[in-house]
Protein backbone atom coordinates (compact mmCIF):
# COMPACT_ATOMS: atom_id res chain seq x y z
CA LEU A 1 10.67 6.47 -16.07
CA LYS A 2 12.69 3.57 -14.65
CA PRO A 3 13.52 4.36 -11.01
CA LEU A 4 16.99 5.68 -10.31
CA ARG A 5 18.77 3.69 -7.64
CA LEU A 6 20.24 6.56 -5.67
CA SER A 7 22.09 6.01 -2.44
CA ALA A 8 21.87 8.32 0.55
CA GLY A 9 25.39 9.42 -0.22
CA SER A 10 24.55 10.53 -3.74
CA LEU A 11 21.62 12.53 -2.38
CA ALA A 12 23.76 14.14 0.26
CA GLN A 13 26.19 15.31 -2.40
CA GLN A 14 23.48 17.40 -4.05
CA GLU A 15 24.21 21.00 -3.22
CA ARG A 16 21.46 23.15 -1.78
CA GLY A 17 19.28 24.50 -4.57
CA SER A 18 20.92 22.43 -7.30
CA ALA A 19 18.86 20.51 -9.80
CA LEU A 20 17.98 16.97 -8.81
CA PRO A 21 18.59 14.09 -11.22
CA ALA A 22 15.79 13.55 -13.72
CA GLY A 23 13.55 10.53 -13.41
CA LEU A 24 11.94 8.84 -10.47
CA MET A 25 13.29 8.13 -7.03
CA PRO A 26 13.07 4.47 -5.96
CA LEU A 27 9.35 4.28 -5.25
CA LEU A 28 9.62 1.04 -3.32
CA ARG A 29 12.27 2.13 -0.87
CA LYS A 30 11.11 2.19 2.73
CA ARG A 31 10.77 5.70 4.08
CA PRO A 32 12.89 6.79 7.01
CA ALA A 33 11.20 7.32 10.34
CA ALA A 34 10.37 10.93 11.06
CA ALA A 35 8.84 12.67 14.03
CA ASP A 36 5.89 15.01 13.47
CA SER A 37 7.80 18.12 12.53
CA ARG A 38 4.82 20.11 11.35
CA PRO A 39 4.40 23.64 12.64
CA ALA A 40 1.99 23.93 15.54
CA SER A 41 -0.46 25.80 13.32
CA ARG A 42 -0.59 22.91 10.87
CA ARG A 43 -0.82 20.26 13.54
CA ALA A 44 -3.87 22.10 14.86
CA THR A 45 -5.68 21.38 11.59
CA ASP A 46 -5.25 17.65 12.00
CA ARG A 47 -8.95 17.18 12.88
CA ASN A 48 -8.21 14.93 15.86
CA GLY A 49 -6.12 12.42 13.94
CA VAL A 50 -7.01 9.89 11.29
CA GLU A 51 -10.73 9.27 11.30
CA SER A 52 -12.59 6.37 9.80
CA SER A 53 -16.11 6.65 8.43
CA THR A 54 -18.57 8.13 10.92
CA ASP A 55 -21.66 7.05 9.07
CA GLY A 56 -22.25 3.88 11.03
CA GLN A 57 -22.85 1.84 7.90
CA ASP A 58 -21.68 -1.73 7.68
CA GLN A 59 -18.48 -2.25 5.78
CA ASP A 60 -19.12 -3.93 2.46
CA GLU A 61 -17.14 -6.64 0.79
CA GLY A 62 -13.83 -5.38 -0.50
CA GLU A 63 -13.65 -2.58 2.06
CA ASP A 64 -10.64 -2.49 4.36
CA ARG A 65 -10.47 0.59 6.53
CA ASN A 66 -7.43 -0.31 8.59
CA GLY A 67 -5.82 -3.34 7.01
CA VAL A 68 -3.07 -1.61 5.00
CA GLU A 69 -0.31 0.30 6.72
CA SER A 70 0.53 3.85 5.81
CA SER A 71 3.55 4.35 3.59
CA ALA A 72 4.85 6.54 6.42
CA ASP A 73 5.24 3.37 8.42
CA GLY A 74 8.08 4.50 10.61
CA GLN A 75 10.38 1.74 9.41
CA ASP A 76 13.93 2.87 8.88
CA ASP A 77 16.23 1.30 6.33
CA GLY A 78 19.16 3.44 7.37
CA GLU A 79 18.92 6.02 4.58
CA GLU A 80 18.81 9.69 5.43
CA PHE A 81 17.61 12.65 3.43
CA PRO A 82 19.55 15.91 3.25
CA GLU A 83 18.13 18.70 5.36
CA TRP A 84 17.30 20.98 2.43
CA LEU A 85 15.34 18.24 0.68
CA ALA A 86 13.38 17.28 3.77
CA ASP A 87 12.21 20.82 4.54
CA MET A 88 8.96 20.57 2.58
CA SER A 89 6.46 21.99 5.06
CA GLY A 90 5.89 25.17 3.06
CA LEU A 91 3.52 25.11 0.06
CA CYS A 92 3.29 27.63 -2.75
CA GLU A 93 0.32 29.97 -2.89
CA THR A 94 -2.07 29.00 -5.66
CA GLN A 95 -5.37 30.08 -7.21
CA TYR A 96 -7.09 27.56 -4.93
CA GLN A 97 -6.92 29.71 -1.81
CA ASN A 98 -10.07 29.56 0.36
CA THR A 99 -11.32 26.32 -1.21
CA LYS A 100 -12.19 23.02 0.43
CA MET A 101 -9.79 21.32 -1.97
CA LEU A 102 -6.86 23.27 -0.58
CA ASP A 103 -8.05 22.86 3.02
CA TYR A 104 -7.91 19.09 2.64
CA PHE A 105 -4.63 19.09 0.71
CA GLU A 106 -2.88 21.16 3.37
CA LEU A 107 -4.18 18.82 6.04
CA ALA A 108 -3.00 15.75 4.12
CA TRP A 109 0.37 17.27 3.24
CA GLY A 110 0.96 18.04 6.90
CA ARG A 111 0.50 14.38 7.78
CA LEU A 112 3.12 13.08 5.39
CA SER A 113 6.58 12.31 6.71
CA GLU A 114 9.43 14.55 5.61
CA GLY A 115 10.79 11.65 3.59
CA ASP A 116 7.54 11.23 1.69
CA ARG A 117 7.36 14.95 0.96
CA ALA A 118 10.87 14.81 -0.44
CA LEU A 119 10.08 11.80 -2.60
CA ILE A 120 6.97 13.49 -3.99
CA ALA A 121 8.82 16.70 -4.84
CA ASN A 122 11.68 14.80 -6.50
CA ASN A 123 9.31 12.55 -8.44
CA ILE A 124 7.57 15.46 -10.17
CA THR A 125 9.60 15.81 -13.36
CA ASP A 126 8.93 16.53 -17.02
CA ASN A 127 8.18 12.82 -17.34
CA THR A 128 5.56 12.73 -14.58
CA ARG A 129 3.56 15.94 -15.05
CA SER A 130 1.21 14.72 -17.78
CA LEU A 131 -2.42 13.75 -17.16
CA ALA A 132 -5.16 12.35 -19.38
CA THR A 133 -8.77 11.75 -18.34
CA MET A 134 -11.58 9.67 -19.82
CA CYS A 135 -15.29 9.69 -18.96
CA SER A 136 -14.72 11.97 -15.97
CA GLY A 137 -16.98 14.76 -17.20
CA SER A 138 -16.70 16.76 -14.00
CA GLY A 139 -13.11 17.91 -14.47
CA MET A 140 -12.28 17.19 -10.82
CA ALA A 141 -9.32 15.01 -11.83
CA GLU A 142 -7.80 17.91 -13.75
CA LEU A 143 -8.42 20.34 -10.88
CA ALA A 144 -6.93 18.05 -8.21
CA PHE A 145 -3.85 17.31 -10.33
CA ASP A 146 -3.33 21.03 -10.90
CA LEU A 147 -3.77 21.84 -7.21
CA VAL A 148 -1.16 19.31 -6.08
CA LEU A 149 1.46 20.26 -8.64
CA SER A 150 0.97 24.02 -8.42
CA SER A 151 1.16 23.85 -4.61
CA LEU A 152 4.63 22.36 -5.09
CA GLY A 153 5.68 25.00 -7.59
CA LYS A 154 5.19 22.76 -10.63
CA LYS A 155 3.03 23.12 -13.74
CA PRO A 156 0.86 20.22 -14.91
CA ASP A 157 0.83 19.08 -18.52
CA LEU A 158 -2.74 18.25 -19.51
CA ALA A 159 -2.64 15.70 -22.33
CA PHE A 160 -6.37 15.58 -23.04
CA SER A 161 -9.85 15.01 -21.65
CA CYS A 162 -12.50 12.81 -23.22
CA GLU A 163 -16.25 13.18 -22.66
CA ILE A 164 -19.22 12.31 -24.85
CA VAL A 165 -21.93 14.50 -23.23
CA PRO A 166 -22.04 17.95 -24.94
CA PHE A 167 -22.78 20.08 -21.85
CA LYS A 168 -19.97 18.34 -19.98
CA GLN A 169 -17.64 19.08 -22.88
CA GLN A 170 -18.44 22.77 -22.49
CA HIS A 171 -17.85 22.48 -18.75
CA LEU A 172 -14.45 20.87 -19.39
CA LYS A 173 -13.42 23.80 -21.57
CA GLY A 174 -13.82 26.01 -18.51
CA ILE A 175 -11.87 23.55 -16.38
CA HIS A 176 -9.06 23.50 -18.95
CA ALA A 177 -8.83 27.27 -18.77
CA ILE A 178 -8.44 27.12 -14.99
CA VAL A 179 -5.66 24.53 -15.05
CA GLY A 180 -3.76 26.17 -17.89
CA GLY A 181 -4.79 23.58 -20.45
CA GLY A 182 -6.71 25.89 -22.74
CA GLY A 183 -6.45 24.65 -26.31
CA ARG A 184 -5.77 21.04 -25.29
CA CYS A 185 -7.89 18.38 -26.90
CA ILE A 186 -11.32 17.39 -25.59
CA PHE A 187 -12.20 14.21 -27.46
CA ASP A 188 -15.87 13.35 -27.85
CA ASP A 189 -15.84 9.55 -27.88
CA SER A 190 -13.68 7.15 -25.90
CA ALA A 191 -14.28 4.46 -28.54
CA SER A 192 -11.84 6.24 -30.88
CA LEU A 193 -8.94 6.75 -28.48
CA GLY A 194 -7.39 3.32 -28.97
CA ALA A 195 -7.10 3.95 -32.71
CA GLY A 196 -4.74 6.88 -32.10
CA ALA A 197 -6.99 9.59 -33.59
CA ALA A 198 -10.35 10.95 -32.48
CA LYS A 199 -12.75 13.81 -33.12
CA CYS A 200 -11.84 16.81 -30.97
CA VAL A 201 -14.53 19.32 -30.00
CA GLU A 202 -11.91 21.88 -28.99
CA HIS A 203 -10.38 22.06 -32.48
CA GLY A 204 -13.34 20.92 -34.57
CA GLN A 205 -11.37 18.22 -36.34
CA VAL A 206 -9.82 14.80 -35.89
CA CYS A 207 -6.71 15.09 -33.73
CA ALA A 208 -3.95 12.66 -32.81
CA VAL A 209 -4.35 11.03 -29.40
CA PRO A 210 -1.26 11.67 -27.24
CA LYS A 211 0.67 8.58 -26.15
CA HIS A 212 2.49 7.86 -22.90
CA PRO A 213 0.88 10.27 -20.41
CA PHE A 214 2.22 9.59 -16.94
CA MET A 215 -1.25 9.19 -15.45
CA VAL A 216 -4.71 8.48 -16.82
CA ILE A 217 -7.83 8.82 -14.65
CA VAL A 218 -10.94 7.00 -15.87
CA GLY A 219 -14.46 7.00 -14.48
CA TYR A 220 -15.81 4.37 -16.84
CA SER A 221 -19.57 3.98 -16.84
CA CYS A 222 -21.15 2.38 -13.78
CA LYS A 223 -24.71 2.15 -15.07
CA GLY A 224 -24.72 -1.53 -15.88
CA LEU A 225 -22.74 -2.42 -12.75
CA SER A 226 -24.83 -0.55 -10.19
CA SER A 227 -26.84 -2.47 -7.61
CA LEU A 228 -29.67 0.02 -8.24
CA MET A 229 -30.21 -1.40 -11.70
CA SER A 230 -32.97 -3.91 -11.02
CA GLY A 231 -34.11 -6.62 -13.37
CA ILE A 232 -30.78 -7.11 -15.16
CA ASP A 233 -27.98 -9.63 -14.80
CA ARG A 234 -24.83 -7.69 -13.91
CA GLY A 235 -22.60 -10.75 -13.97
CA ASP A 236 -21.42 -10.57 -17.60
CA VAL A 237 -21.53 -6.82 -18.28
CA LEU A 238 -17.80 -6.35 -18.85
CA PRO A 239 -16.94 -9.75 -20.38
CA SER A 240 -19.76 -9.37 -22.90
CA GLY A 241 -19.20 -5.64 -23.49
CA LEU A 242 -22.82 -4.86 -22.58
CA GLY A 243 -24.18 -1.33 -22.48
CA SER A 244 -22.24 1.80 -21.60
CA SER A 245 -20.33 0.03 -18.80
CA GLY A 246 -19.06 -2.75 -21.04
CA GLY A 247 -18.38 -0.31 -23.88
CA THR A 248 -16.41 2.28 -21.95
CA CYS A 249 -14.40 -0.42 -20.16
CA ARG A 250 -13.32 -1.87 -23.49
CA ASP A 251 -12.56 1.63 -24.77
CA MET A 252 -10.31 2.14 -21.74
CA LEU A 253 -8.49 -1.14 -22.34
CA ALA A 254 -7.92 -0.26 -25.99
CA TYR A 255 -6.48 3.09 -24.98
CA LEU A 256 -4.18 1.49 -22.39
CA GLU A 257 -2.84 -0.85 -25.06
CA PHE A 258 -2.25 2.04 -27.47
CA ALA A 259 -0.88 4.74 -25.17
CA VAL A 260 0.70 2.73 -22.29
CA PRO A 261 0.32 5.29 -19.47
CA ALA A 262 2.57 4.55 -16.51
CA ILE A 263 -0.14 4.91 -13.86
CA GLY A 264 -3.92 4.69 -13.98
CA ILE A 265 -6.66 5.48 -11.47
CA LEU A 266 -10.02 3.85 -12.24
CA GLU A 267 -13.28 4.61 -10.44
CA ASN A 268 -16.55 2.69 -10.40
CA VAL A 269 -19.21 1.28 -8.07
CA GLU A 270 -18.53 -1.33 -5.38
CA GLU A 271 -19.14 -4.27 -7.72
CA MET A 272 -15.61 -3.67 -9.01
CA ALA A 273 -14.08 -4.04 -5.55
CA LYS A 274 -15.14 -7.68 -5.25
CA SER A 275 -12.69 -10.54 -5.44
CA PRO A 276 -12.13 -11.85 -8.98
CA SER A 277 -13.37 -15.20 -7.74
CA LYS A 278 -16.73 -13.63 -6.86
CA SER A 279 -17.25 -11.33 -9.85
CA LYS A 280 -16.90 -12.18 -13.53
CA ASN A 281 -16.62 -8.46 -14.22
CA VAL A 282 -13.61 -8.06 -11.93
CA ALA A 283 -12.03 -11.28 -13.21
CA PHE A 284 -12.36 -10.01 -16.79
CA LEU A 285 -10.87 -6.60 -16.02
CA TYR A 286 -7.95 -8.01 -14.01
CA ASP A 287 -7.18 -10.57 -16.71
CA GLN A 288 -7.16 -7.93 -19.44
CA LEU A 289 -4.98 -5.58 -17.39
CA ASP A 290 -2.52 -8.38 -16.72
CA LYS A 291 -2.25 -9.12 -20.45
CA LEU A 292 -1.40 -5.44 -21.00
CA GLY A 293 1.36 -5.57 -18.38
CA TYR A 294 -0.46 -3.79 -15.55
CA ALA A 295 -0.66 -4.73 -11.89
CA VAL A 296 -3.85 -3.64 -10.13
CA GLN A 297 -5.26 -3.21 -6.65
CA THR A 298 -8.77 -2.05 -5.78
CA GLU A 299 -10.18 -0.70 -2.52
CA ILE A 300 -13.46 0.81 -1.37
CA LEU A 301 -13.06 4.43 -0.31
CA TRP A 302 -15.72 6.76 1.12
CA ALA A 303 -16.01 10.48 0.40
CA ASN A 304 -16.89 11.17 4.04
CA ASP A 305 -13.48 9.80 5.01
CA TYR A 306 -11.92 12.60 2.98
CA PHE A 307 -13.29 15.87 4.35
CA LEU A 308 -16.69 15.86 2.58
CA PRO A 309 -19.96 15.24 4.53
CA GLN A 310 -21.30 12.88 1.89
CA ARG A 311 -21.67 9.08 2.00
CA ARG A 312 -20.21 8.39 -1.42
CA LYS A 313 -18.88 4.85 -1.59
CA ARG A 314 -16.81 3.92 -4.62
CA ALA A 315 -14.33 1.31 -5.81
CA TRP A 316 -10.97 2.88 -6.62
CA ALA A 317 -8.42 0.88 -8.59
CA VAL A 318 -4.81 1.91 -9.09
CA ILE A 319 -2.91 0.27 -11.94
CA VAL A 320 0.83 0.43 -12.57
CA HIS A 321 2.64 -0.57 -15.75
CA LYS A 322 5.27 -2.94 -14.44
CA ALA A 323 7.77 -2.70 -17.28
CA THR A 324 7.78 1.10 -17.16
CA PHE A 325 9.12 0.99 -13.61
CA GLY A 326 11.12 -2.20 -13.91
CA MET A 327 8.86 -3.97 -11.40
CA ASP A 328 8.13 -7.63 -11.04
CA ALA A 329 4.86 -8.93 -9.57
CA ALA A 330 6.05 -8.74 -5.98
CA ALA A 331 7.45 -5.23 -6.32
CA SER A 332 4.31 -3.91 -8.01
CA ALA A 333 2.09 -5.47 -5.32
CA ASP A 334 4.18 -3.83 -2.62
CA PHE A 335 4.00 -0.49 -4.41
CA LEU A 336 0.22 -0.62 -4.76
CA SER A 337 -0.15 -1.62 -1.12
CA ARG A 338 1.87 1.45 -0.14
CA VAL A 339 -0.26 3.69 -2.35
CA PHE A 340 -3.46 2.61 -0.63
CA GLY A 341 -1.74 2.61 2.74
CA THR A 342 -0.93 6.27 2.26
CA ALA A 343 -4.46 7.02 1.00
CA LYS A 344 -5.97 5.45 4.10
CA ALA A 345 -3.54 7.23 6.40
CA LEU A 346 -4.74 10.53 4.93
CA ARG A 347 -8.38 10.11 5.90
CA ALA A 348 -9.87 13.19 7.45
CA LYS A 349 -13.00 13.82 9.46
CA PRO A 350 -15.67 15.54 7.32
CA GLU A 351 -16.27 19.24 7.71
CA GLN A 352 -19.53 20.45 9.22
CA VAL A 353 -22.40 20.64 6.73
CA ASP A 354 -23.01 24.34 7.36
CA GLN A 355 -19.57 25.03 5.86
CA PHE A 356 -20.98 23.96 2.49
CA LEU A 357 -24.44 25.57 2.61
CA LEU A 358 -25.45 29.13 1.73
CA PRO A 359 -26.40 31.38 4.66
CA ALA A 360 -30.08 32.13 5.10
CA GLY A 361 -29.85 35.64 3.65
CA ASP A 362 -27.86 34.75 0.55
CA LEU A 363 -29.40 36.31 -2.55
CA ARG A 364 -28.90 33.10 -4.52
CA LEU A 365 -31.57 31.43 -2.39
CA ALA A 366 -34.08 34.15 -3.24
CA ASP A 367 -33.12 34.01 -6.92
CA GLU A 368 -33.64 30.25 -7.07
CA LEU A 369 -36.97 30.44 -5.28
CA ALA A 370 -38.12 33.13 -7.70
CA ARG A 371 -37.03 30.95 -10.63
CA ARG A 372 -39.06 28.05 -9.26
CA LYS A 373 -42.13 30.24 -8.86
CA GLU A 374 -41.88 31.27 -12.51
CA ALA A 375 -41.59 27.67 -13.67
CA ALA A 376 -44.63 25.47 -13.92
CA LYS A 377 -45.00 22.84 -11.23
CA GLY A 378 -45.49 20.16 -13.78
CA SER A 379 -46.88 16.74 -13.06
CA SER A 380 -45.29 13.52 -11.95
CA MET A 381 -43.49 11.54 -14.63
CA ASP A 382 -45.08 8.47 -13.04
CA PRO A 383 -48.89 8.57 -13.37
CA ASP A 384 -49.14 5.47 -11.19
CA TYR A 385 -47.28 6.99 -8.25
CA PRO A 386 -50.34 7.10 -5.90
CA GLU A 387 -50.65 3.33 -6.04
CA THR A 388 -46.88 2.91 -5.66
CA HIS A 389 -46.83 5.24 -2.65
CA GLN A 390 -49.81 3.57 -1.00
CA LYS A 391 -48.32 0.09 -1.26
CA PHE A 392 -44.90 1.21 -0.07
CA MET A 393 -46.16 3.25 2.88
CA THR A 394 -48.56 0.52 3.97
CA ALA A 395 -45.65 -1.93 4.08
CA LYS A 396 -43.81 0.58 6.30
CA GLY A 397 -46.78 1.04 8.65
CA VAL A 398 -47.66 4.52 7.42
CA SER A 399 -51.14 5.49 6.28
CA TRP A 400 -50.96 7.05 2.83
CA ARG A 401 -54.49 8.49 3.05
CA THR A 402 -53.87 10.38 6.28
CA LEU A 403 -50.23 11.36 5.70
CA LYS A 404 -49.68 15.09 5.99
CA ALA A 405 -46.61 17.23 6.28
CA PRO A 406 -46.34 19.11 9.59
CA PRO A 407 -47.46 22.77 9.31
CA CYS A 408 -43.94 24.09 9.90
CA MET A 409 -42.86 22.18 6.79
CA SER A 410 -45.88 22.72 4.53
CA GLU A 411 -45.78 26.49 5.08
CA SER A 412 -42.45 26.72 3.26
CA PRO A 413 -42.73 28.09 -0.29
CA TRP A 414 -40.05 25.58 -1.30
CA PHE A 415 -42.33 22.73 -0.21
CA GLN A 416 -45.42 24.29 -1.75
CA LEU A 417 -43.75 24.50 -5.16
CA CYS A 418 -43.07 20.76 -5.22
CA PRO A 419 -45.21 18.42 -7.33
CA LYS A 420 -47.57 16.30 -5.22
CA ARG A 421 -45.41 13.19 -5.68
CA GLU A 422 -42.37 14.94 -4.18
CA GLN A 423 -44.42 16.42 -1.34
CA GLU A 424 -45.56 12.95 -0.36
CA ILE A 425 -42.00 11.58 -0.34
CA ILE A 426 -40.79 14.49 1.78
CA ALA A 427 -43.71 14.15 4.21
CA PHE A 428 -43.12 10.39 4.46
CA ALA A 429 -39.44 10.95 5.22
CA GLU A 430 -40.32 13.38 8.03
CA SER A 431 -42.94 11.01 9.47
CA THR A 432 -40.47 8.12 9.68
CA HIS A 433 -37.17 9.91 10.35
CA GLY A 434 -38.03 13.31 11.79
CA ASP A 435 -35.41 15.87 10.78
CA CYS A 436 -33.69 14.56 7.67
CA TYR A 437 -32.36 15.07 4.17
CA VAL A 438 -34.30 13.23 1.46
CA ASP A 439 -33.63 12.88 -2.26
CA CYS A 440 -37.08 12.90 -3.90
CA SER A 441 -35.82 12.60 -7.48
CA GLN A 442 -36.29 8.81 -7.42
CA ARG A 443 -39.26 6.52 -6.74
CA ILE A 444 -40.23 6.42 -3.09
CA ASP A 445 -38.67 2.96 -2.65
CA ARG A 446 -35.34 4.34 -3.88
CA ALA A 447 -35.47 7.69 -2.08
CA ALA A 448 -32.31 8.18 -0.02
CA ILE A 449 -33.26 9.40 3.48
CA VAL A 450 -30.47 10.29 5.91
CA SER A 451 -30.13 12.09 9.21
CA PRO A 452 -28.91 15.70 9.15
CA GLY A 453 -25.18 16.27 9.13
CA MET A 454 -24.28 13.78 6.40
CA PHE A 455 -25.65 13.68 2.87
CA ALA A 456 -26.29 10.57 0.82
CA THR A 457 -24.52 10.25 -2.51
CA ILE A 458 -24.89 13.47 -4.49
CA THR A 459 -26.07 12.80 -8.04
CA PRO A 460 -26.36 15.14 -11.05
CA LYS A 461 -30.16 14.89 -11.13
CA GLY A 462 -30.70 14.65 -7.38
CA LYS A 463 -33.39 16.77 -5.67
CA VAL A 464 -32.43 16.83 -2.02
CA TYR A 465 -34.89 18.42 0.42
CA MET A 466 -33.42 19.46 3.78
CA PHE A 467 -35.63 19.71 6.86
CA THR A 468 -34.22 20.45 10.31
CA ARG A 469 -35.59 22.13 13.44
CA ASP A 470 -34.00 23.93 16.37
CA ALA A 471 -34.51 23.09 20.05
CA ALA A 472 -37.79 25.03 20.06
CA GLY A 473 -39.12 23.02 17.13
CA LEU A 474 -38.84 25.87 14.66
CA PRO A 475 -37.49 25.10 11.16
CA GLN A 476 -33.82 25.83 10.54
CA LEU A 477 -33.60 24.31 7.07
CA ASN A 478 -36.77 23.84 5.06
CA ARG A 479 -35.74 23.92 1.44
CA PHE A 480 -34.00 22.16 -1.41
CA LEU A 481 -30.24 21.85 -1.73
CA LEU A 482 -29.09 24.21 -4.48
CA GLY A 483 -26.85 23.14 -7.35
CA VAL A 484 -24.04 25.41 -6.19
CA GLU A 485 -24.19 23.75 -2.75
CA ALA A 486 -24.17 20.28 -4.30
CA MET A 487 -21.00 21.19 -6.19
CA GLU A 488 -19.40 22.43 -2.97
CA LEU A 489 -20.28 19.09 -1.38
CA GLN A 490 -18.42 17.39 -4.24
CA GLY A 491 -15.33 19.45 -3.41
CA PHE A 492 -15.46 21.80 -6.39
CA PRO A 493 -13.78 25.23 -6.07
CA VAL A 494 -17.07 26.88 -7.06
CA GLN A 495 -16.06 30.48 -6.45
CA LEU A 496 -12.93 30.07 -8.57
CA MET A 497 -14.96 28.46 -11.34
CA GLN A 498 -17.51 31.29 -11.27
CA GLN A 499 -14.80 33.93 -11.34
CA ARG A 500 -13.14 32.35 -14.36
CA ALA A 501 -16.49 32.02 -16.10
CA GLY A 502 -17.34 35.67 -15.45
CA ARG A 503 -20.47 34.85 -13.45
């Protein structure tokens, strides 16, 4: 995997269509300047240029929306790429046609310089096609990896997935079938990976854990690190190995030591984007990664900066194994800066919400409403909610005793089927915000209420009620967000997944 130091002359000598040398191009070489050579049709999809977050929220610590330059920085070191290698505007047709994933990828690919496209194509070799995932559950890492490689005419090599939750394991089996990884291991406990062998639910036995995947993507647990976890001290979660966050982080470190992947992408909540001097958790992680030979950089990225109308704010860390690429500290820091520079240059304005929602006459809406009518309403899990609601609303200047949903809302069968606790949260949200989206799955003091057009963070157990009116005051949306719509808002290729599952 050590970068080949190829000169422009050696590239130019490659005949059209001949095989390129194996291994990686020099990843740290400055890219040549290139004009926007995209076809007019692709330039038209550029969504008015690079857009930063439109949510109006304050930028949190660790977030840098414009501080790192794009890797397509326009600097020219005098090297030139042969014409046949630079002509990378065309992408192969894949199974991801008519998906939001492909829409964004085509937009992002069109923004890259010709030099970057050439580097990417040349860097996809037998040594760089392998992917492992831990604690991802959703399978989105596998899908995105497959989309990128298959769009460039390459086939990914799925090393394994690892997930402890049984229903997510079953979900991952379907994802593996989509990406051509059927029969590959799905390990059931990250704690065993560092030992080199783990129980595999795909094969029903203990299987060897593959070593040296090119990339590992890890969504280690955020529960103990989340700011929503009240009443606990988050300061020593990782150093002390506390809870699922401390446990899965240590599992990840053990796996890195055993398998030595070249590249890692780690995702967690914003706590992990703080400076090491301000977070014991970050200081611990960075120290452990350094001992294992990895350089790391972390940035805050928002989902609504990448095509999806959802305010999902997460800390993304990229790690690179320095010895694998022959990098010293300075070279690895420059590389990681370029990675995030490119990521930030590929921001894209979110699509309109209606592109993700089912049309009013869709039969799935009627089916879901019928299912809800058959199910019992049930009671609130919190018997003390009236007192909680009264105190909270009084503090907000709203009378709990006189609060009522407007008739145009309360007439909806979706609203009528809600437990009383949820009805009160929805009515409170309308009284204070007017038209809005509100997640009533949490206590009223934790209910996410946002204006229409941009969702708050989508969660697996979220219950988002949407209420909007037209110019005449008549309801446009007056119902819950369906699960299939929530998956679309996460970027999933839902139709493809349903087709492969036979439903």
